Protein backbone atom coordinates (compact mmCIF):
# COMPACT_ATOMS: atom_id res chain seq x y z
CA MET A 1 15.74 25.06 -30.38
CA THR A 2 18.77 22.96 -31.27
CA ASP A 3 19.94 22.90 -27.65
CA VAL A 4 16.47 21.93 -26.50
CA ALA A 5 16.32 19.14 -29.08
CA VAL A 6 19.76 17.87 -28.01
CA SER A 7 18.77 17.98 -24.34
CA GLY A 8 15.56 16.12 -25.14
CA SER A 9 17.48 13.47 -27.06
CA ILE A 10 19.93 13.03 -24.19
CA ALA A 11 17.09 12.73 -21.67
CA GLU A 12 15.27 10.26 -23.88
CA ALA A 13 18.43 8.18 -24.32
CA ALA A 14 19.05 8.22 -20.57
CA GLY A 15 15.47 7.17 -19.93
CA SER A 16 15.74 4.34 -22.46
CA ARG A 17 18.98 3.16 -20.87
CA LEU A 18 17.40 3.21 -17.40
CA ARG A 19 14.39 1.24 -18.64
CA GLY A 20 16.76 -1.27 -20.23
CA LEU A 21 18.61 -1.73 -16.95
CA LEU A 22 15.38 -2.15 -15.00
CA LYS A 23 14.02 -4.70 -17.45
CA GLY A 24 17.15 -6.80 -17.06
CA PRO A 25 18.63 -8.62 -14.08
CA LEU A 26 19.47 -5.35 -12.30
CA LEU A 27 15.82 -4.57 -11.51
CA PHE A 28 15.69 -6.08 -8.05
CA PRO A 29 19.24 -5.11 -6.98
CA ILE A 30 18.42 -1.48 -7.88
CA LEU A 31 15.12 -1.56 -6.01
CA LEU A 32 16.63 -3.26 -2.95
CA GLY A 33 19.53 -0.81 -2.96
CA ALA A 34 17.08 2.11 -3.05
CA LEU A 35 15.12 0.54 -0.19
CA LEU A 36 18.30 0.20 1.86
CA ILE A 37 19.14 3.87 1.31
CA VAL A 38 15.66 4.93 2.42
CA VAL A 39 15.86 2.66 5.49
CA ILE A 40 19.19 4.23 6.52
CA ALA A 41 17.77 7.72 6.07
CA ALA A 42 14.61 6.86 8.01
CA THR A 43 16.69 5.37 10.82
CA SER A 44 18.63 8.58 11.31
CA VAL A 45 16.06 11.28 10.52
CA GLY A 46 13.25 12.28 12.84
CA GLY A 47 12.15 14.51 15.67
CA ALA A 48 14.75 12.74 17.82
CA GLY A 49 17.57 12.57 15.31
CA ILE A 50 20.24 9.91 15.67
CA PRO A 51 23.53 10.57 13.86
CA LEU A 52 24.48 7.77 11.50
CA ALA A 53 27.77 7.28 13.36
CA ARG A 54 25.88 6.25 16.52
CA ILE A 55 23.47 3.80 14.90
CA PRO A 56 25.88 0.80 14.81
CA ALA A 57 26.53 1.24 18.53
CA ALA A 58 22.81 1.38 19.28
CA LEU A 59 22.39 -1.90 17.38
CA GLY A 60 25.22 -3.53 19.31
CA LEU A 61 27.55 -3.56 16.30
CA ALA A 62 30.13 -1.14 17.70
CA ASP A 63 31.56 0.19 20.94
CA PRO A 64 28.58 0.95 23.22
CA VAL A 65 30.45 3.96 24.63
CA ALA A 66 29.63 5.73 21.35
CA MET A 67 25.86 5.61 22.03
CA THR A 68 23.40 6.88 24.59
CA GLU A 69 20.53 5.07 26.25
CA ARG A 70 18.19 7.51 24.52
CA ASP A 71 19.52 6.39 21.13
CA ARG A 72 18.93 2.74 21.96
CA LEU A 73 15.41 3.39 23.26
CA VAL A 74 14.38 5.51 20.27
CA LEU A 75 15.92 3.18 17.71
CA LEU A 76 14.88 -0.23 19.02
CA SER A 77 11.51 0.58 20.57
CA VAL A 78 10.16 3.31 18.28
CA ARG A 79 11.94 3.84 15.00
CA LEU A 80 12.82 0.33 13.81
CA PRO A 81 9.29 -1.07 14.44
CA ARG A 82 7.86 1.90 12.55
CA ILE A 83 10.26 1.36 9.65
CA ALA A 84 9.37 -2.33 9.53
CA ILE A 85 5.63 -1.72 9.55
CA ALA A 86 5.96 1.03 6.90
CA ILE A 87 7.84 -1.40 4.63
CA ILE A 88 5.26 -4.15 5.13
CA ILE A 89 2.20 -1.93 4.64
CA GLY A 90 3.69 -0.21 1.59
CA ALA A 91 4.44 -3.59 0.05
CA LEU A 92 0.93 -4.89 0.81
CA LEU A 93 -0.82 -1.85 -0.65
CA ALA A 94 1.23 -1.79 -3.84
CA ALA A 95 0.98 -5.55 -4.40
CA SER A 96 -2.77 -5.58 -3.75
CA GLY A 97 -3.17 -2.80 -6.31
CA ALA A 98 -1.13 -4.74 -8.87
CA ILE A 99 -3.18 -7.90 -8.28
CA MET A 100 -6.48 -6.02 -8.54
CA GLN A 101 -5.39 -4.30 -11.76
CA GLY A 102 -4.40 -7.65 -13.25
CA LEU A 103 -7.59 -9.36 -12.09
CA PHE A 104 -9.90 -6.74 -13.58
CA ARG A 105 -7.59 -5.88 -16.48
CA ASN A 106 -7.84 -2.22 -15.60
CA PRO A 107 -4.88 0.02 -14.65
CA LEU A 108 -7.27 2.31 -12.74
CA ALA A 109 -8.30 -0.38 -10.27
CA ASP A 110 -7.10 0.25 -6.74
CA PRO A 111 -8.41 -1.00 -3.39
CA ALA A 112 -8.46 2.53 -1.96
CA LEU A 113 -10.34 4.09 -4.89
CA VAL A 114 -13.02 1.44 -5.42
CA GLY A 115 -14.12 1.01 -1.83
CA VAL A 116 -12.13 -1.99 -0.58
CA SER A 117 -10.15 0.15 1.85
CA SER A 118 -13.32 2.04 2.79
CA GLY A 119 -15.07 -1.25 3.50
CA GLY A 120 -12.25 -2.28 5.82
CA ALA A 121 -12.30 1.13 7.50
CA LEU A 122 -16.07 0.93 7.98
CA ALA A 123 -15.77 -2.48 9.62
CA ALA A 124 -12.96 -1.24 11.86
CA ALA A 125 -14.90 1.91 12.79
CA THR A 126 -18.01 -0.14 13.58
CA THR A 127 -15.92 -2.41 15.80
CA ILE A 128 -14.46 0.61 17.60
CA VAL A 129 -17.85 2.17 18.34
CA ILE A 130 -19.61 -1.09 19.31
CA GLY A 131 -16.63 -2.28 21.37
CA ASP A 132 -16.49 1.06 23.16
CA ARG A 133 -20.16 0.76 24.10
CA MET A 134 -19.86 -2.91 25.14
CA THR A 135 -16.83 -2.37 27.38
CA GLY A 136 -18.31 0.70 29.01
CA HIS A 137 -15.38 2.93 28.01
CA THR A 138 -13.13 1.11 30.47
CA THR A 139 -11.31 -1.71 28.68
CA PRO A 140 -9.64 -1.34 25.27
CA LEU A 141 -10.42 -3.96 22.66
CA PRO A 142 -7.86 -6.73 22.11
CA PHE A 143 -5.64 -5.48 19.31
CA ALA A 144 -6.21 -8.53 17.12
CA VAL A 145 -9.94 -7.71 16.88
CA LEU A 146 -9.42 -4.71 14.61
CA PRO A 147 -7.34 -6.53 11.96
CA ILE A 148 -9.94 -9.31 11.87
CA ALA A 149 -12.77 -6.78 11.47
CA ALA A 150 -10.94 -4.83 8.77
CA PHE A 151 -10.12 -8.05 6.92
CA GLY A 152 -13.77 -9.10 7.03
CA GLY A 153 -14.93 -5.72 5.76
CA SER A 154 -12.42 -5.73 2.91
CA LEU A 155 -13.29 -9.33 1.99
CA ILE A 156 -17.03 -8.60 1.86
CA THR A 157 -16.47 -5.44 -0.19
CA THR A 158 -14.18 -7.20 -2.67
CA ALA A 159 -16.59 -10.12 -3.05
CA ILE A 160 -19.49 -7.73 -3.68
CA LEU A 161 -17.47 -5.90 -6.33
CA GLN A 162 -16.56 -9.16 -8.03
CA ARG A 163 -20.16 -10.33 -7.94
CA LEU A 164 -21.57 -7.10 -9.34
CA ALA A 165 -18.95 -6.76 -12.07
CA SER A 166 -19.10 -10.36 -13.30
CA ARG A 167 -21.73 -11.86 -15.53
CA GLY A 168 -21.11 -15.41 -16.58
CA ARG A 169 -17.43 -15.59 -17.44
CA THR A 170 -17.00 -11.93 -18.30
CA THR A 171 -16.20 -8.96 -16.12
CA SER A 172 -17.63 -5.52 -16.84
CA ILE A 173 -14.98 -2.93 -16.07
CA ALA A 174 -17.52 -0.09 -16.19
CA ILE A 175 -19.80 -1.80 -13.67
CA PHE A 176 -16.78 -2.62 -11.53
CA LEU A 177 -15.65 1.01 -11.33
CA LEU A 178 -19.16 2.42 -10.84
CA ALA A 179 -20.03 -0.18 -8.20
CA GLY A 180 -16.74 0.56 -6.47
CA LEU A 181 -17.53 4.27 -6.33
CA ALA A 182 -21.01 3.52 -4.99
CA ILE A 183 -19.66 1.17 -2.31
CA ALA A 184 -17.01 3.73 -1.33
CA ALA A 185 -19.76 6.36 -1.00
CA LEU A 186 -21.90 4.04 1.14
CA ALA A 187 -18.92 3.19 3.34
CA GLY A 188 -18.15 6.89 3.70
CA ALA A 189 -21.76 7.56 4.73
CA GLY A 190 -21.60 4.73 7.27
CA ILE A 191 -18.37 6.10 8.73
CA GLY A 192 -19.96 9.56 8.90
CA LEU A 193 -22.89 8.13 10.88
CA LEU A 194 -20.49 6.40 13.26
CA VAL A 195 -18.58 9.66 13.73
CA PHE A 196 -21.89 11.34 14.62
CA ILE A 197 -22.77 8.83 17.35
CA ALA A 198 -19.23 8.16 18.65
CA ASP A 199 -17.89 9.56 21.91
CA ASP A 200 -14.61 11.47 22.12
CA ARG A 201 -12.35 8.42 22.51
CA ALA A 202 -13.97 6.46 19.69
CA LEU A 203 -13.98 9.60 17.53
CA ARG A 204 -10.21 9.95 17.89
CA ASP A 205 -9.73 6.32 16.86
CA ILE A 206 -12.02 6.68 13.83
CA THR A 207 -10.17 9.83 12.77
CA PHE A 208 -6.95 7.79 12.90
CA TRP A 209 -8.38 5.29 10.39
CA MET A 210 -9.56 7.98 8.00
CA LEU A 211 -6.38 10.05 7.89
CA GLY A 212 -3.86 7.21 8.12
CA SER A 213 -0.90 7.02 10.47
CA LEU A 214 1.93 4.66 11.36
CA GLY A 215 2.27 6.03 14.87
CA GLY A 216 2.26 3.57 17.73
CA ALA A 217 4.11 0.87 15.80
CA THR A 218 5.44 -1.95 17.97
CA TRP A 219 7.21 -5.23 17.36
CA GLU A 220 3.98 -7.01 18.34
CA LYS A 221 2.14 -5.26 15.51
CA VAL A 222 4.96 -6.10 13.12
CA SER A 223 4.70 -9.78 14.06
CA LEU A 224 0.94 -9.71 13.47
CA ILE A 225 1.09 -8.13 10.00
CA ALA A 226 4.26 -9.84 8.69
CA PRO A 227 2.45 -13.13 7.80
CA PHE A 228 0.32 -11.23 5.27
CA LEU A 229 3.48 -10.14 3.45
CA LEU A 230 4.88 -13.67 3.52
CA ALA A 231 1.61 -15.00 2.10
CA MET A 232 1.79 -12.49 -0.73
CA PHE A 233 5.33 -13.46 -1.73
CA ALA A 234 4.43 -17.16 -1.46
CA ALA A 235 1.48 -16.62 -3.85
CA VAL A 236 3.42 -14.65 -6.50
CA PRO A 237 4.82 -17.71 -8.38
CA PHE A 238 1.31 -19.15 -8.66
CA LEU A 239 -0.44 -15.92 -9.70
CA GLY A 240 1.97 -14.50 -12.28
CA ARG A 241 1.17 -16.72 -15.27
CA GLY A 242 -2.58 -16.71 -14.58
CA LEU A 243 -2.79 -12.92 -14.39
CA ASP A 244 -0.68 -12.60 -17.56
CA LEU A 245 -3.05 -14.86 -19.49
CA LEU A 246 -6.12 -13.24 -17.97
CA VAL A 247 -5.23 -10.10 -19.92
CA LEU A 248 -6.26 -11.97 -23.08
CA GLY A 249 -9.75 -12.59 -21.65
CA GLU A 250 -11.28 -15.10 -19.28
CA SER A 251 -12.30 -17.55 -22.01
CA GLU A 252 -8.84 -17.47 -23.59
CA ALA A 253 -7.16 -17.96 -20.22
CA PHE A 254 -9.46 -20.90 -19.45
CA HIS A 255 -8.64 -22.60 -22.76
CA MET A 256 -4.94 -22.15 -22.03
CA GLY A 257 -5.20 -24.18 -18.83
CA ILE A 258 -5.93 -21.52 -16.20
CA ALA A 259 -8.56 -22.31 -13.56
CA VAL A 260 -10.06 -18.84 -13.88
CA GLU A 261 -12.63 -19.04 -11.09
CA ARG A 262 -10.10 -20.42 -8.63
CA LEU A 263 -7.64 -17.70 -9.64
CA LYS A 264 -10.32 -15.08 -9.01
CA ARG A 265 -11.10 -16.47 -5.56
CA ILE A 266 -7.42 -16.56 -4.59
CA CYS A 267 -6.91 -12.99 -5.81
CA ILE A 268 -10.01 -11.75 -3.99
CA VAL A 269 -8.91 -13.32 -0.70
CA LEU A 270 -5.37 -11.95 -1.10
CA ILE A 271 -6.58 -8.44 -1.95
CA ALA A 272 -8.96 -8.47 0.99
CA ALA A 273 -6.37 -9.85 3.40
CA MET A 274 -3.60 -7.44 2.38
CA THR A 275 -5.86 -4.39 2.22
CA GLY A 276 -7.63 -5.28 5.44
CA ALA A 277 -4.33 -5.72 7.26
CA ALA A 278 -3.02 -2.40 5.92
CA VAL A 279 -6.21 -0.57 6.93
CA ALA A 280 -6.21 -2.17 10.37
CA PHE A 281 -2.65 -1.12 11.15
CA ALA A 282 -2.38 2.22 9.31
CA GLY A 283 -5.86 3.43 8.41
CA VAL A 284 -6.82 4.50 4.88
CA VAL A 285 -3.68 5.25 2.83
CA GLY A 286 -4.51 6.02 -0.77
CA PHE A 287 -2.73 6.05 -4.13
CA VAL A 288 0.10 3.67 -3.26
CA GLY A 289 -1.77 0.79 -4.87
CA ILE A 290 -2.50 2.67 -8.09
CA VAL A 291 0.64 4.74 -8.70
CA VAL A 292 3.29 2.10 -8.01
CA PRO A 293 2.05 -0.70 -10.35
CA HIS A 294 1.17 1.82 -13.05
CA LEU A 295 4.64 3.37 -12.95
CA LEU A 296 6.35 -0.01 -13.03
CA ARG A 297 4.26 -1.15 -16.00
CA LEU A 298 5.55 1.84 -17.95
CA VAL A 299 9.14 0.88 -17.12
CA ILE A 300 9.36 -2.94 -16.97
CA GLY A 301 6.22 -4.01 -18.81
CA PRO A 302 3.07 -5.87 -17.72
CA GLY A 303 4.52 -9.29 -16.81
CA HIS A 304 3.21 -10.08 -13.34
CA ARG A 305 6.05 -12.41 -12.33
CA LYS A 306 8.27 -9.33 -12.09
CA LEU A 307 5.56 -6.75 -11.55
CA LEU A 308 4.17 -8.15 -8.28
CA PRO A 309 7.43 -8.42 -6.29
CA ALA A 310 8.76 -5.19 -7.85
CA SER A 311 5.55 -3.40 -6.84
CA ALA A 312 5.95 -4.68 -3.29
CA ILE A 313 9.50 -3.33 -3.03
CA LEU A 314 8.73 0.03 -4.67
CA GLY A 315 5.60 0.37 -2.52
CA ALA A 316 7.75 -0.18 0.57
CA ILE A 317 10.17 2.51 -0.63
CA LEU A 318 7.36 4.96 -1.33
CA LEU A 319 5.51 4.52 1.96
CA LEU A 320 8.67 4.52 4.08
CA GLY A 321 9.81 7.72 2.37
CA ALA A 322 6.38 9.27 2.86
CA ASP A 323 6.32 8.28 6.54
CA THR A 324 9.79 9.71 7.07
CA ALA A 325 8.64 12.98 5.54
CA ALA A 326 5.38 12.90 7.54
CA ARG A 327 7.19 12.75 10.88
CA THR A 328 9.87 15.31 10.03
CA ILE A 329 8.41 18.14 7.92
CA ALA A 330 6.24 19.43 10.79
CA ALA A 331 8.20 18.01 13.77
CA PRO A 332 7.39 17.60 16.61
CA ALA A 333 3.89 17.31 15.09
CA GLU A 334 3.16 14.56 12.59
CA VAL A 335 1.39 14.95 9.23
CA PRO A 336 -1.15 12.15 8.60
CA ILE A 337 0.45 9.84 6.08
CA GLY A 338 -2.80 9.34 4.16
CA VAL A 339 -2.96 13.08 3.53
CA LEU A 340 0.65 13.14 2.36
CA THR A 341 0.31 10.20 -0.05
CA ALA A 342 -2.83 11.77 -1.54
CA LEU A 343 -1.13 15.16 -1.98
CA VAL A 344 1.82 13.56 -3.77
CA GLY A 345 0.12 10.58 -5.42
CA ALA A 346 -2.88 12.29 -7.01
CA PRO A 347 -0.93 14.86 -9.10
CA PHE A 348 1.69 12.24 -9.96
CA PHE A 349 -0.96 9.86 -11.21
CA LEU A 350 -2.56 12.61 -13.29
CA VAL A 351 0.83 13.28 -14.90
CA LEU A 352 1.18 9.58 -15.70
CA LEU A 353 -2.25 9.56 -17.32
CA LEU A 354 -1.51 12.66 -19.37
CA ARG A 355 1.83 11.28 -20.46
CA GLN A 356 0.30 7.97 -21.46
CA ARG A 357 -2.35 9.72 -23.55
CA GLY A 358 0.22 11.97 -25.18
CA LEU A 359 -1.42 15.13 -23.84
CA ALA A 360 1.54 16.36 -21.84
CA GLY A 361 4.80 17.51 -23.29
CA LEU A 362 6.99 15.39 -20.99
């Protein structure tokens, strides 16, 4: 018992020291360092492995004799675009979850759980089926159409949630969660109907949205989704103080100089844009937006000026690590990333809840 108590004290002291480091100026250097390590691992690991010693040559940073044309093709045309899009989508999902949790003052709020992602997926699936019928199965839709459709679906879903959950200047968290579950169920039913009437090609595309995948990443897709990430980082300085004061209540935030309704509209548009972009490019990927902000709140506190950018970086780390595992654990096959994040994220989130309530001996 004494050894166990000593070990527990040591672990608790180590955890307190780590939290102290993360709350200080080392937070972002630690997160960026971890992201760099994951990027290096993701660059080398895969079905077509590239030894680390040959990567500088493939990037033109060393003697080209040390590389092969296969290395250059795999790295520049396949792996680096996929790494970039995994980083961007992970950051968007985690940041949108942090914004939604701050907006509704509820750590359980998450675009994937309350129907925002499902709304985007329903809009994308509808576009796939209708576009397939309109083009006569001959011409693929322009790629930009799907992000626009997913954005519109996420925006409409988020606006409906906000409308249903708000009464006057107050927001009902219970109505918000219940309405979100109902909207998610309706979106799921709509997607099921589309699956029933879809042909084989459209059915494969819809299945992609529902399971989630980062396959087929290209630099063109990266260039299309990158502005959403830039918009998020540009909005962080203007959202942090408002979301911090919103925790006190909408009336209190209003009397402290926050334009609450404008803040809500900005947050709704950002959540819809980031979630819609993520759904359009990767399908439905759950639990990133709920686990990452919740974990960071336990470590660095609830201040959104740090929480939002930290969530973006940790979300990028999490999704890039998950994607690296998804394309290697069953190589040459690929595990759907949405399945993998749910398998890992759901139990992890339950542990966090149990620990927070003091029901688990952790």
